């Protein structure tokens, strides 16, 4: 199954609602990060939940286990279905996020490698591969791996087996959905949809990559 996930990095509630409303027929989930939550508060999740699209909290949590657990508990209390954390913080913090997600019937995804050019400054030399192994040991539901470097995502796929891969970088960052769709479980698209004058039409362009929906 390949899903289309809208990365909703806008700053205003009304705009966020309008975009989700228009794009809803062509997307499967909505990923909300710091820009929208810092601008409008965690309550935005309750508002967007009306559109029946699972919400992913893209907070890339990177903290000690206790703080990680507190963040995750708050996230799931607001209706999110999944949370994203960093893996470089180590096994205990990742496990705290995974356990809290599962206690709340949610999912936890771990960043193995990011999609922007600068990510290769540190996510190289086997670092992403070590994080992928940690994901399997900690029982996380899947990883975040770059659509901008499909060859790297293919390597990470070989390490995590049937766990899910959500892949950012399609659209404005130049990731090719054709190159990544057969490898991943979710294609993440942000600016190409939410900055479009016609979000519905923009989202529709990617709906052809949805499989098993």
N, C-alpha and C. Protein backbone atom coordinates (compact mmCIF):
# COMPACT_ATOMS: atom_id res chain seq x y z
N UNK A 1 0.84 -1.19 0.00
CA UNK A 1 0.00 0.00 0.00
C UNK A 1 0.88 1.25 0.00
N UNK A 2 0.63 2.18 -0.90
CA UNK A 2 1.31 3.47 -0.89
C UNK A 2 0.27 4.55 -0.65
N UNK A 3 0.50 5.35 0.38
CA UNK A 3 -0.42 6.41 0.73
C UNK A 3 0.18 7.78 0.37
N UNK A 4 -0.70 8.74 0.20
CA UNK A 4 -0.27 10.12 0.00
C UNK A 4 -0.51 10.88 1.31
N UNK A 5 0.57 11.44 1.84
CA UNK A 5 0.51 12.14 3.12
C UNK A 5 0.80 13.62 2.89
N UNK A 6 -0.13 14.45 3.31
CA UNK A 6 0.03 15.90 3.17
C UNK A 6 0.82 16.45 4.35
N UNK A 7 1.96 17.07 4.07
CA UNK A 7 2.73 17.78 5.10
C UNK A 7 2.18 19.20 5.18
N UNK A 8 1.46 19.48 6.24
CA UNK A 8 0.69 20.72 6.33
C UNK A 8 1.46 21.77 7.14
N UNK A 9 2.46 22.36 6.53
CA UNK A 9 3.31 23.33 7.22
C UNK A 9 2.89 24.77 6.95
N UNK A 10 1.63 25.04 7.20
CA UNK A 10 1.12 26.41 7.08
C UNK A 10 0.98 26.99 8.49
N UNK A 11 0.67 28.27 8.59
CA UNK A 11 0.71 28.95 9.88
C UNK A 11 -0.65 29.41 10.40
N UNK A 12 -1.69 29.28 9.60
CA UNK A 12 -3.00 29.78 10.00
C UNK A 12 -4.05 28.68 9.98
N UNK A 13 -4.89 28.68 11.00
CA UNK A 13 -5.93 27.66 11.13
C UNK A 13 -6.84 27.63 9.92
N UNK A 14 -7.33 28.79 9.50
CA UNK A 14 -8.28 28.82 8.39
C UNK A 14 -7.67 28.27 7.11
N UNK A 15 -6.41 28.60 6.87
CA UNK A 15 -5.75 28.08 5.68
C UNK A 15 -5.56 26.58 5.78
N UNK A 16 -5.17 26.11 6.95
CA UNK A 16 -4.97 24.67 7.15
C UNK A 16 -6.27 23.91 6.89
N UNK A 17 -7.35 24.41 7.46
CA UNK A 17 -8.66 23.76 7.29
C UNK A 17 -9.07 23.75 5.82
N UNK A 18 -8.89 24.88 5.15
CA UNK A 18 -9.27 24.98 3.74
C UNK A 18 -8.49 24.00 2.87
N UNK A 19 -7.20 23.89 3.12
CA UNK A 19 -6.37 23.00 2.31
C UNK A 19 -6.76 21.54 2.53
N UNK A 20 -6.94 21.15 3.78
CA UNK A 20 -7.32 19.75 4.07
C UNK A 20 -8.68 19.45 3.47
N UNK A 21 -9.60 20.37 3.60
CA UNK A 21 -10.94 20.18 3.05
C UNK A 21 -10.89 19.93 1.55
N UNK A 22 -10.08 20.70 0.84
CA UNK A 22 -9.99 20.58 -0.62
C UNK A 22 -9.21 19.34 -1.05
N UNK A 23 -8.14 19.04 -0.33
CA UNK A 23 -7.27 17.93 -0.73
C UNK A 23 -7.74 16.58 -0.23
N UNK A 24 -8.68 16.57 0.71
CA UNK A 24 -9.08 15.34 1.39
C UNK A 24 -9.39 14.16 0.48
N UNK A 25 -10.08 14.34 -0.65
CA UNK A 25 -10.40 13.18 -1.48
C UNK A 25 -9.17 12.49 -2.08
N UNK A 26 -8.03 13.17 -2.07
CA UNK A 26 -6.86 12.65 -2.78
C UNK A 26 -5.69 12.32 -1.86
N UNK A 27 -5.88 12.49 -0.56
CA UNK A 27 -4.82 12.18 0.39
C UNK A 27 -5.32 11.15 1.40
N UNK A 28 -4.37 10.57 2.13
CA UNK A 28 -4.73 9.52 3.09
C UNK A 28 -4.46 9.93 4.53
N UNK A 29 -3.44 10.77 4.74
CA UNK A 29 -3.10 11.21 6.09
C UNK A 29 -2.59 12.65 6.01
N UNK A 30 -2.53 13.28 7.19
CA UNK A 30 -2.02 14.65 7.28
C UNK A 30 -0.91 14.68 8.32
N UNK A 31 0.23 15.23 7.95
CA UNK A 31 1.37 15.37 8.85
C UNK A 31 1.46 16.82 9.30
N UNK A 32 1.43 17.02 10.61
CA UNK A 32 1.46 18.36 11.19
C UNK A 32 2.76 18.52 11.97
N UNK A 33 3.48 19.60 11.69
CA UNK A 33 4.74 19.85 12.38
C UNK A 33 4.68 21.09 13.26
N UNK A 34 5.85 21.54 13.67
CA UNK A 34 5.94 22.68 14.58
C UNK A 34 5.34 23.97 14.03
N UNK A 35 5.49 24.30 12.73
CA UNK A 35 4.98 25.60 12.28
C UNK A 35 3.50 25.82 12.63
N UNK A 36 2.66 24.85 12.30
CA UNK A 36 1.23 25.01 12.54
C UNK A 36 0.88 24.91 14.02
N UNK A 37 1.51 23.98 14.73
CA UNK A 37 1.21 23.80 16.15
C UNK A 37 1.69 24.99 16.98
N UNK A 38 2.85 25.53 16.66
CA UNK A 38 3.33 26.70 17.40
C UNK A 38 2.47 27.93 17.13
N UNK A 39 1.92 28.00 15.93
CA UNK A 39 1.09 29.15 15.58
C UNK A 39 -0.33 29.04 16.13
N UNK A 40 -0.87 27.84 16.13
CA UNK A 40 -2.29 27.67 16.46
C UNK A 40 -2.56 26.77 17.67
N UNK A 41 -1.53 26.11 18.18
CA UNK A 41 -1.71 25.23 19.34
C UNK A 41 -2.08 23.81 18.94
N UNK A 42 -1.91 22.90 19.89
CA UNK A 42 -2.21 21.49 19.63
C UNK A 42 -3.69 21.26 19.33
N UNK A 43 -4.54 22.21 19.71
CA UNK A 43 -5.96 22.08 19.44
C UNK A 43 -6.30 22.00 17.96
N UNK A 44 -5.35 22.37 17.11
CA UNK A 44 -5.58 22.28 15.67
C UNK A 44 -5.84 20.84 15.26
N UNK A 45 -5.30 19.90 16.01
CA UNK A 45 -5.52 18.49 15.69
C UNK A 45 -6.99 18.12 15.85
N UNK A 46 -7.62 18.63 16.88
CA UNK A 46 -9.03 18.35 17.10
C UNK A 46 -9.89 18.94 15.98
N UNK A 47 -9.50 20.10 15.50
CA UNK A 47 -10.24 20.74 14.40
C UNK A 47 -10.10 19.93 13.11
N UNK A 48 -8.86 19.54 12.80
CA UNK A 48 -8.62 18.82 11.54
C UNK A 48 -9.12 17.38 11.58
N UNK A 49 -9.31 16.84 12.78
CA UNK A 49 -9.80 15.47 12.88
C UNK A 49 -11.19 15.30 12.30
N UNK A 50 -11.90 16.41 12.12
CA UNK A 50 -13.25 16.35 11.54
C UNK A 50 -13.22 15.80 10.11
N UNK A 51 -12.06 15.87 9.46
CA UNK A 51 -11.96 15.43 8.07
C UNK A 51 -11.55 13.97 7.95
N UNK A 52 -11.50 13.27 9.09
CA UNK A 52 -11.33 11.80 9.13
C UNK A 52 -10.05 11.32 8.46
N UNK A 53 -9.01 12.14 8.53
CA UNK A 53 -7.71 11.73 8.04
C UNK A 53 -6.78 11.56 9.24
N UNK A 54 -6.15 10.39 9.39
CA UNK A 54 -5.22 10.21 10.50
C UNK A 54 -4.16 11.29 10.52
N UNK A 55 -3.82 11.77 11.71
CA UNK A 55 -2.88 12.87 11.88
C UNK A 55 -1.56 12.37 12.44
N UNK A 56 -0.47 12.78 11.80
CA UNK A 56 0.87 12.41 12.24
C UNK A 56 1.52 13.63 12.87
N UNK A 57 2.03 13.49 14.09
CA UNK A 57 2.72 14.57 14.77
C UNK A 57 4.20 14.53 14.39
N UNK A 58 4.60 15.43 13.51
CA UNK A 58 5.98 15.47 13.05
C UNK A 58 6.77 16.42 13.93
N UNK A 59 7.07 15.97 15.14
CA UNK A 59 7.83 16.80 16.08
C UNK A 59 9.29 16.37 16.15
N UNK A 60 9.63 15.31 15.42
CA UNK A 60 11.02 14.81 15.41
C UNK A 60 11.60 14.87 16.82
N UNK A 61 10.89 14.23 17.73
CA UNK A 61 11.25 14.29 19.15
C UNK A 61 12.68 13.78 19.35
N UNK A 62 13.48 14.57 20.05
CA UNK A 62 14.88 14.21 20.30
C UNK A 62 15.24 14.66 21.71
N UNK A 63 14.88 13.85 22.69
CA UNK A 63 15.10 14.25 24.08
C UNK A 63 15.32 13.01 24.94
N UNK A 64 15.51 13.23 26.24
CA UNK A 64 15.70 12.11 27.15
C UNK A 64 14.40 11.32 27.25
N UNK A 65 14.45 10.06 27.71
CA UNK A 65 13.25 9.22 27.71
C UNK A 65 12.05 9.82 28.43
N UNK A 66 12.25 10.41 29.61
CA UNK A 66 11.10 10.93 30.36
C UNK A 66 10.42 12.06 29.61
N UNK A 67 11.21 13.00 29.08
CA UNK A 67 10.63 14.12 28.33
C UNK A 67 9.96 13.61 27.06
N UNK A 68 10.58 12.64 26.41
CA UNK A 68 9.99 12.05 25.21
C UNK A 68 8.62 11.45 25.52
N UNK A 69 8.54 10.74 26.64
CA UNK A 69 7.26 10.14 27.02
C UNK A 69 6.20 11.21 27.28
N UNK A 70 6.58 12.28 27.95
CA UNK A 70 5.63 13.35 28.24
C UNK A 70 5.11 13.99 26.96
N UNK A 71 6.01 14.23 26.02
CA UNK A 71 5.61 14.82 24.73
C UNK A 71 4.65 13.88 24.01
N UNK A 72 5.01 12.61 23.96
CA UNK A 72 4.18 11.64 23.23
C UNK A 72 2.81 11.49 23.88
N UNK A 73 2.76 11.48 25.20
CA UNK A 73 1.47 11.36 25.88
C UNK A 73 0.55 12.53 25.53
N UNK A 74 1.11 13.72 25.48
CA UNK A 74 0.30 14.90 25.14
C UNK A 74 -0.17 14.82 23.69
N UNK A 75 0.71 14.39 22.82
CA UNK A 75 0.36 14.26 21.40
C UNK A 75 -0.84 13.33 21.23
N UNK A 76 -0.77 12.16 21.83
CA UNK A 76 -1.85 11.19 21.63
C UNK A 76 -3.13 11.58 22.36
N UNK A 77 -3.01 12.36 23.42
CA UNK A 77 -4.22 12.82 24.11
C UNK A 77 -5.01 13.79 23.26
N UNK A 78 -4.36 14.37 22.23
CA UNK A 78 -5.02 15.33 21.36
C UNK A 78 -5.55 14.71 20.07
N UNK A 79 -5.44 13.41 19.94
CA UNK A 79 -6.06 12.75 18.81
C UNK A 79 -5.16 12.38 17.65
N UNK A 80 -3.85 12.59 17.80
CA UNK A 80 -2.93 12.15 16.75
C UNK A 80 -2.88 10.63 16.70
N UNK A 81 -2.61 10.10 15.52
CA UNK A 81 -2.52 8.65 15.37
C UNK A 81 -1.09 8.15 15.31
N UNK A 82 -0.12 9.06 15.12
CA UNK A 82 1.28 8.67 15.03
C UNK A 82 2.17 9.83 15.42
N UNK A 83 3.39 9.50 15.79
CA UNK A 83 4.39 10.49 16.16
C UNK A 83 5.72 10.14 15.50
N UNK A 84 6.51 11.16 15.19
CA UNK A 84 7.83 10.96 14.60
C UNK A 84 8.88 11.40 15.61
N UNK A 85 9.90 10.55 15.80
CA UNK A 85 11.01 10.91 16.68
C UNK A 85 12.33 10.69 15.95
N UNK A 86 13.39 11.27 16.49
CA UNK A 86 14.73 11.03 15.96
C UNK A 86 15.30 9.76 16.57
N UNK A 87 16.18 9.12 15.82
CA UNK A 87 16.81 7.90 16.31
C UNK A 87 18.17 8.11 16.92
N UNK A 88 18.83 9.23 16.60
CA UNK A 88 20.20 9.42 17.06
C UNK A 88 20.30 9.62 18.57
N UNK A 89 19.16 9.86 19.24
CA UNK A 89 19.17 10.04 20.69
C UNK A 89 19.39 8.72 21.43
N UNK A 90 19.25 7.60 20.74
CA UNK A 90 19.55 6.32 21.35
C UNK A 90 18.35 5.46 21.69
N UNK A 91 18.68 4.22 22.07
CA UNK A 91 17.64 3.19 22.21
C UNK A 91 16.63 3.50 23.30
N UNK A 92 17.06 4.10 24.43
CA UNK A 92 16.12 4.32 25.54
C UNK A 92 15.08 5.38 25.20
N UNK A 93 15.50 6.45 24.53
CA UNK A 93 14.55 7.49 24.14
C UNK A 93 13.61 6.99 23.05
N UNK A 94 14.15 6.27 22.09
CA UNK A 94 13.29 5.73 21.03
C UNK A 94 12.28 4.75 21.62
N UNK A 95 12.74 3.90 22.52
CA UNK A 95 11.83 2.93 23.12
C UNK A 95 10.72 3.62 23.92
N UNK A 96 11.06 4.72 24.60
CA UNK A 96 10.04 5.46 25.36
C UNK A 96 8.97 5.99 24.43
N UNK A 97 9.37 6.47 23.26
CA UNK A 97 8.40 6.99 22.29
C UNK A 97 7.55 5.87 21.72
N UNK A 98 8.19 4.77 21.39
CA UNK A 98 7.48 3.61 20.84
C UNK A 98 6.47 3.07 21.85
N UNK A 99 6.91 2.89 23.07
CA UNK A 99 6.03 2.33 24.10
C UNK A 99 4.83 3.23 24.36
N UNK A 100 5.06 4.54 24.42
CA UNK A 100 3.95 5.47 24.66
C UNK A 100 2.98 5.46 23.50
N UNK A 101 3.50 5.40 22.28
CA UNK A 101 2.63 5.34 21.11
C UNK A 101 1.76 4.09 21.17
N UNK A 102 2.37 2.97 21.45
CA UNK A 102 1.61 1.70 21.46
C UNK A 102 0.63 1.62 22.62
N UNK A 103 0.98 2.22 23.75
CA UNK A 103 0.04 2.27 24.88
C UNK A 103 -1.21 3.06 24.52
N UNK A 104 -1.07 3.97 23.56
CA UNK A 104 -2.19 4.81 23.14
C UNK A 104 -2.75 4.39 21.78
N UNK A 105 -2.45 3.14 21.39
CA UNK A 105 -2.95 2.58 20.13
C UNK A 105 -2.49 3.38 18.93
N UNK A 106 -1.30 3.99 19.04
CA UNK A 106 -0.76 4.78 17.95
C UNK A 106 0.52 4.17 17.39
N UNK A 107 1.14 4.89 16.47
CA UNK A 107 2.35 4.43 15.82
C UNK A 107 3.50 5.39 16.09
N UNK A 108 4.71 4.86 15.99
CA UNK A 108 5.91 5.66 16.13
C UNK A 108 6.83 5.42 14.94
N UNK A 109 7.22 6.50 14.28
CA UNK A 109 8.15 6.43 13.15
C UNK A 109 9.45 7.14 13.55
N UNK A 110 10.57 6.57 13.14
CA UNK A 110 11.87 7.07 13.53
C UNK A 110 12.62 7.61 12.31
N UNK A 111 13.15 8.81 12.43
CA UNK A 111 13.93 9.40 11.34
C UNK A 111 15.26 8.64 11.22
N UNK A 112 15.50 8.09 10.04
CA UNK A 112 16.79 7.45 9.78
C UNK A 112 17.69 8.37 8.96
N UNK A 113 17.07 9.06 8.01
CA UNK A 113 17.83 9.97 7.15
C UNK A 113 16.87 11.00 6.59
N UNK A 114 17.27 12.28 6.62
CA UNK A 114 16.37 13.35 6.19
C UNK A 114 16.55 13.65 4.70
N UNK A 115 15.65 14.48 4.17
CA UNK A 115 15.56 14.65 2.71
C UNK A 115 16.32 15.85 2.16
N UNK A 116 16.72 16.79 3.00
CA UNK A 116 17.38 17.99 2.51
C UNK A 116 18.87 17.72 2.22
N UNK A 117 19.54 18.56 1.41
CA UNK A 117 20.93 18.30 1.04
C UNK A 117 21.88 18.18 2.22
N UNK A 118 21.70 19.02 3.23
CA UNK A 118 22.60 19.01 4.37
C UNK A 118 22.53 17.76 5.23
N UNK A 119 21.51 16.93 5.03
CA UNK A 119 21.36 15.73 5.84
C UNK A 119 22.56 14.81 5.72
N UNK A 120 23.21 14.83 4.56
CA UNK A 120 24.34 13.92 4.34
C UNK A 120 25.58 14.34 5.14
N UNK A 121 25.55 15.53 5.77
CA UNK A 121 26.68 15.93 6.59
C UNK A 121 26.90 14.96 7.76
N UNK A 122 25.81 14.42 8.28
CA UNK A 122 25.92 13.53 9.44
C UNK A 122 25.25 12.17 9.26
N UNK A 123 24.17 12.12 8.47
CA UNK A 123 23.49 10.84 8.24
C UNK A 123 24.23 10.06 7.15
N UNK A 124 25.45 9.66 7.43
CA UNK A 124 26.23 8.91 6.46
C UNK A 124 27.19 7.99 7.22
N UNK A 125 27.98 7.23 6.49
CA UNK A 125 28.96 6.37 7.14
C UNK A 125 28.34 5.30 8.01
N UNK A 126 27.15 4.88 7.65
CA UNK A 126 26.49 3.81 8.40
C UNK A 126 25.58 4.28 9.51
N UNK A 127 25.47 5.60 9.73
CA UNK A 127 24.62 6.12 10.81
C UNK A 127 23.16 5.74 10.58
N UNK A 128 22.66 6.00 9.37
CA UNK A 128 21.25 5.67 9.07
C UNK A 128 21.00 4.18 9.21
N UNK A 129 21.97 3.38 8.79
CA UNK A 129 21.81 1.93 8.90
C UNK A 129 21.74 1.49 10.38
N UNK A 130 22.54 2.13 11.22
CA UNK A 130 22.49 1.80 12.65
C UNK A 130 21.15 2.20 13.25
N UNK A 131 20.62 3.34 12.82
CA UNK A 131 19.31 3.76 13.31
C UNK A 131 18.24 2.77 12.84
N UNK A 132 18.34 2.30 11.61
CA UNK A 132 17.38 1.33 11.09
C UNK A 132 17.39 0.05 11.94
N UNK A 133 18.57 -0.39 12.34
CA UNK A 133 18.66 -1.56 13.21
C UNK A 133 18.01 -1.29 14.56
N UNK A 134 18.21 -0.08 15.07
CA UNK A 134 17.61 0.31 16.34
C UNK A 134 16.09 0.29 16.25
N UNK A 135 15.57 0.74 15.11
CA UNK A 135 14.12 0.74 14.89
C UNK A 135 13.55 -0.67 15.05
N UNK A 136 14.24 -1.63 14.50
CA UNK A 136 13.79 -3.02 14.59
C UNK A 136 13.88 -3.52 16.04
N UNK A 137 14.95 -3.18 16.73
CA UNK A 137 15.13 -3.62 18.10
C UNK A 137 14.10 -3.00 19.04
N UNK A 138 13.75 -1.74 18.78
CA UNK A 138 12.82 -1.01 19.65
C UNK A 138 11.36 -1.31 19.35
N UNK A 139 11.09 -1.96 18.23
CA UNK A 139 9.71 -2.28 17.88
C UNK A 139 8.92 -1.13 17.29
N UNK A 140 9.65 -0.13 16.74
CA UNK A 140 8.95 0.99 16.10
C UNK A 140 8.18 0.51 14.87
N UNK A 141 7.22 1.30 14.46
CA UNK A 141 6.35 0.90 13.35
C UNK A 141 6.99 1.14 12.00
N UNK A 142 7.97 2.04 11.95
CA UNK A 142 8.59 2.31 10.67
C UNK A 142 9.58 3.44 10.76
N UNK A 143 10.03 3.89 9.59
CA UNK A 143 11.06 4.91 9.52
C UNK A 143 10.66 6.05 8.58
N UNK A 144 11.39 7.14 8.70
CA UNK A 144 11.33 8.24 7.75
C UNK A 144 12.61 8.16 6.92
N UNK A 145 12.47 8.08 5.60
CA UNK A 145 13.62 7.96 4.71
C UNK A 145 13.37 8.80 3.46
N UNK A 146 14.44 9.33 2.85
CA UNK A 146 14.28 10.40 1.84
C UNK A 146 13.86 9.96 0.45
N UNK A 147 12.85 10.65 -0.08
CA UNK A 147 12.47 10.46 -1.48
C UNK A 147 13.49 11.09 -2.41
N UNK A 148 14.28 12.02 -1.88
CA UNK A 148 15.29 12.70 -2.68
C UNK A 148 16.51 11.82 -2.94
N UNK A 149 16.63 10.74 -2.20
CA UNK A 149 17.73 9.79 -2.42
C UNK A 149 17.17 8.37 -2.38
N UNK A 150 16.44 8.00 -3.43
CA UNK A 150 15.77 6.70 -3.43
C UNK A 150 16.71 5.52 -3.27
N UNK A 151 17.95 5.67 -3.71
CA UNK A 151 18.90 4.58 -3.56
C UNK A 151 19.21 4.32 -2.08
N UNK A 152 19.21 5.37 -1.29
CA UNK A 152 19.43 5.22 0.16
C UNK A 152 18.20 4.60 0.82
N UNK A 153 17.03 5.02 0.38
CA UNK A 153 15.81 4.46 0.94
C UNK A 153 15.70 2.97 0.62
N UNK A 154 16.16 2.57 -0.55
CA UNK A 154 16.15 1.15 -0.92
C UNK A 154 17.07 0.35 0.01
N UNK A 155 18.22 0.92 0.36
CA UNK A 155 19.13 0.25 1.29
C UNK A 155 18.45 0.07 2.65
N UNK A 156 17.80 1.14 3.12
CA UNK A 156 17.14 1.07 4.42
C UNK A 156 15.97 0.09 4.40
N UNK A 157 15.28 0.01 3.27
CA UNK A 157 14.20 -0.98 3.13
C UNK A 157 14.75 -2.40 3.35
N UNK A 158 15.92 -2.67 2.83
CA UNK A 158 16.50 -4.01 2.97
C UNK A 158 16.81 -4.35 4.42
N UNK A 159 16.95 -3.33 5.26
CA UNK A 159 17.30 -3.55 6.66
C UNK A 159 16.09 -3.68 7.57
N UNK A 160 14.97 -3.08 7.19
CA UNK A 160 13.81 -3.06 8.11
C UNK A 160 12.70 -4.02 7.70
N UNK A 161 12.86 -4.69 6.58
CA UNK A 161 11.86 -5.68 6.17
C UNK A 161 10.50 -5.07 5.89
N UNK A 162 9.49 -5.57 6.58
CA UNK A 162 8.12 -5.15 6.31
C UNK A 162 7.65 -3.94 7.11
N UNK A 163 8.53 -3.37 7.90
CA UNK A 163 8.14 -2.14 8.61
C UNK A 163 7.88 -1.04 7.59
N UNK A 164 7.09 -0.06 7.98
CA UNK A 164 6.68 0.97 7.03
C UNK A 164 7.77 2.03 6.81
N UNK A 165 7.75 2.60 5.61
CA UNK A 165 8.61 3.74 5.29
C UNK A 165 7.73 4.88 4.82
N UNK A 166 7.87 6.03 5.48
CA UNK A 166 7.23 7.27 5.02
C UNK A 166 8.34 8.13 4.45
N UNK A 167 8.12 8.68 3.26
CA UNK A 167 9.22 9.31 2.52
C UNK A 167 8.92 10.75 2.14
N UNK A 168 9.61 11.71 2.78
CA UNK A 168 9.44 13.12 2.44
C UNK A 168 10.38 13.55 1.32
N UNK A 169 10.09 14.69 0.74
CA UNK A 169 10.97 15.27 -0.27
C UNK A 169 10.39 15.29 -1.67
N UNK A 170 9.18 14.75 -1.84
CA UNK A 170 8.54 14.79 -3.15
C UNK A 170 7.94 16.18 -3.37
N UNK A 171 8.11 16.70 -4.57
CA UNK A 171 7.54 18.01 -4.89
C UNK A 171 8.60 19.09 -4.87
N UNK A 172 8.50 20.01 -3.93
CA UNK A 172 9.39 21.18 -3.90
C UNK A 172 10.86 20.80 -3.74
N UNK A 173 11.14 19.71 -3.05
CA UNK A 173 12.53 19.30 -2.85
C UNK A 173 13.08 18.47 -4.02
N UNK A 174 12.21 18.11 -4.95
CA UNK A 174 12.67 17.45 -6.16
C UNK A 174 12.61 15.94 -6.17
N UNK A 175 12.09 15.33 -5.11
CA UNK A 175 11.97 13.88 -5.09
C UNK A 175 11.01 13.38 -6.15
N UNK A 176 11.37 12.30 -6.83
CA UNK A 176 10.57 11.74 -7.92
C UNK A 176 9.65 10.65 -7.37
N UNK A 177 8.33 10.86 -7.37
CA UNK A 177 7.43 9.84 -6.84
C UNK A 177 7.50 8.53 -7.60
N UNK A 178 7.80 8.59 -8.90
CA UNK A 178 7.94 7.35 -9.67
C UNK A 178 9.09 6.50 -9.16
N UNK A 179 10.14 7.15 -8.72
CA UNK A 179 11.33 6.43 -8.27
C UNK A 179 11.16 5.83 -6.88
N UNK A 180 10.22 6.35 -6.11
CA UNK A 180 10.12 5.96 -4.71
C UNK A 180 8.87 5.14 -4.38
N UNK A 181 7.84 5.24 -5.21
CA UNK A 181 6.54 4.66 -4.87
C UNK A 181 6.61 3.16 -4.62
N UNK A 182 7.44 2.45 -5.35
CA UNK A 182 7.50 1.01 -5.18
C UNK A 182 8.29 0.56 -3.97
N UNK A 183 8.95 1.49 -3.29
CA UNK A 183 9.80 1.16 -2.15
C UNK A 183 9.12 1.48 -0.83
N UNK A 184 8.29 2.53 -0.82
CA UNK A 184 7.78 3.08 0.43
C UNK A 184 6.29 2.83 0.61
N UNK A 185 5.83 3.11 1.83
CA UNK A 185 4.42 2.94 2.17
C UNK A 185 3.66 4.26 2.17
N UNK A 186 4.40 5.35 2.24
CA UNK A 186 3.77 6.66 2.24
C UNK A 186 4.65 7.70 1.58
N UNK A 187 4.08 8.44 0.63
CA UNK A 187 4.80 9.54 -0.02
C UNK A 187 4.31 10.84 0.62
N UNK A 188 5.26 11.61 1.17
CA UNK A 188 4.93 12.85 1.85
C UNK A 188 5.12 14.03 0.92
N UNK A 189 4.06 14.82 0.73
CA UNK A 189 4.09 15.98 -0.16
C UNK A 189 3.62 17.20 0.63
N UNK A 190 4.38 18.28 0.59
CA UNK A 190 4.01 19.47 1.33
C UNK A 190 3.74 20.67 0.44
N UNK A 191 4.78 21.45 0.16
CA UNK A 191 4.60 22.72 -0.55
C UNK A 191 3.95 22.57 -1.91
N UNK A 192 4.19 21.48 -2.60
CA UNK A 192 3.60 21.29 -3.92
C UNK A 192 2.08 21.28 -3.86
N UNK A 193 1.54 20.97 -2.68
CA UNK A 193 0.08 20.98 -2.49
C UNK A 193 -0.36 22.25 -1.77
N UNK A 194 0.24 22.53 -0.58
CA UNK A 194 -0.32 23.62 0.23
C UNK A 194 0.03 25.01 -0.29
N UNK A 195 1.04 25.13 -1.16
CA UNK A 195 1.33 26.43 -1.76
C UNK A 195 0.64 26.61 -3.11
N UNK A 196 -0.04 25.59 -3.58
CA UNK A 196 -0.72 25.67 -4.87
C UNK A 196 -1.97 26.54 -4.77
N UNK A 197 -2.29 27.22 -5.85
CA UNK A 197 -3.53 28.01 -5.89
C UNK A 197 -4.75 27.10 -5.96
N UNK A 198 -4.51 25.82 -6.29
CA UNK A 198 -5.59 24.84 -6.35
C UNK A 198 -5.11 23.55 -5.67
N UNK A 199 -5.19 23.50 -4.33
CA UNK A 199 -4.68 22.34 -3.60
C UNK A 199 -5.32 21.02 -4.02
N UNK A 200 -6.59 21.06 -4.38
CA UNK A 200 -7.27 19.83 -4.80
C UNK A 200 -6.63 19.28 -6.07
N UNK A 201 -6.41 20.15 -7.05
CA UNK A 201 -5.80 19.72 -8.31
C UNK A 201 -4.38 19.24 -8.09
N UNK A 202 -3.64 19.93 -7.22
CA UNK A 202 -2.27 19.55 -6.93
C UNK A 202 -2.23 18.17 -6.26
N UNK A 203 -3.11 17.95 -5.30
CA UNK A 203 -3.15 16.65 -4.62
C UNK A 203 -3.58 15.55 -5.58
N UNK A 204 -4.50 15.90 -6.48
CA UNK A 204 -5.00 14.90 -7.44
C UNK A 204 -3.87 14.36 -8.32
N UNK A 205 -2.88 15.20 -8.62
CA UNK A 205 -1.76 14.77 -9.46
C UNK A 205 -0.99 13.62 -8.83
N UNK A 206 -0.99 13.56 -7.50
CA UNK A 206 -0.25 12.52 -6.81
C UNK A 206 -1.10 11.29 -6.50
N UNK A 207 -2.40 11.41 -6.65
CA UNK A 207 -3.28 10.31 -6.26
C UNK A 207 -3.08 9.06 -7.11
N UNK A 208 -2.47 9.21 -8.29
CA UNK A 208 -2.23 8.05 -9.13
C UNK A 208 -1.21 7.10 -8.51
N UNK A 209 -0.45 7.59 -7.52
CA UNK A 209 0.55 6.75 -6.87
C UNK A 209 -0.04 5.98 -5.68
N UNK A 210 -1.29 6.25 -5.35
CA UNK A 210 -1.94 5.53 -4.25
C UNK A 210 -2.25 4.11 -4.70
N UNK A 211 -1.84 3.16 -3.89
CA UNK A 211 -2.15 1.76 -4.21
C UNK A 211 -2.70 1.10 -2.95
N UNK A 212 -3.59 0.18 -3.16
CA UNK A 212 -4.15 -0.57 -2.05
C UNK A 212 -5.11 0.24 -1.21
N UNK A 213 -5.54 1.40 -1.69
CA UNK A 213 -6.43 2.26 -0.91
C UNK A 213 -7.88 1.88 -1.19
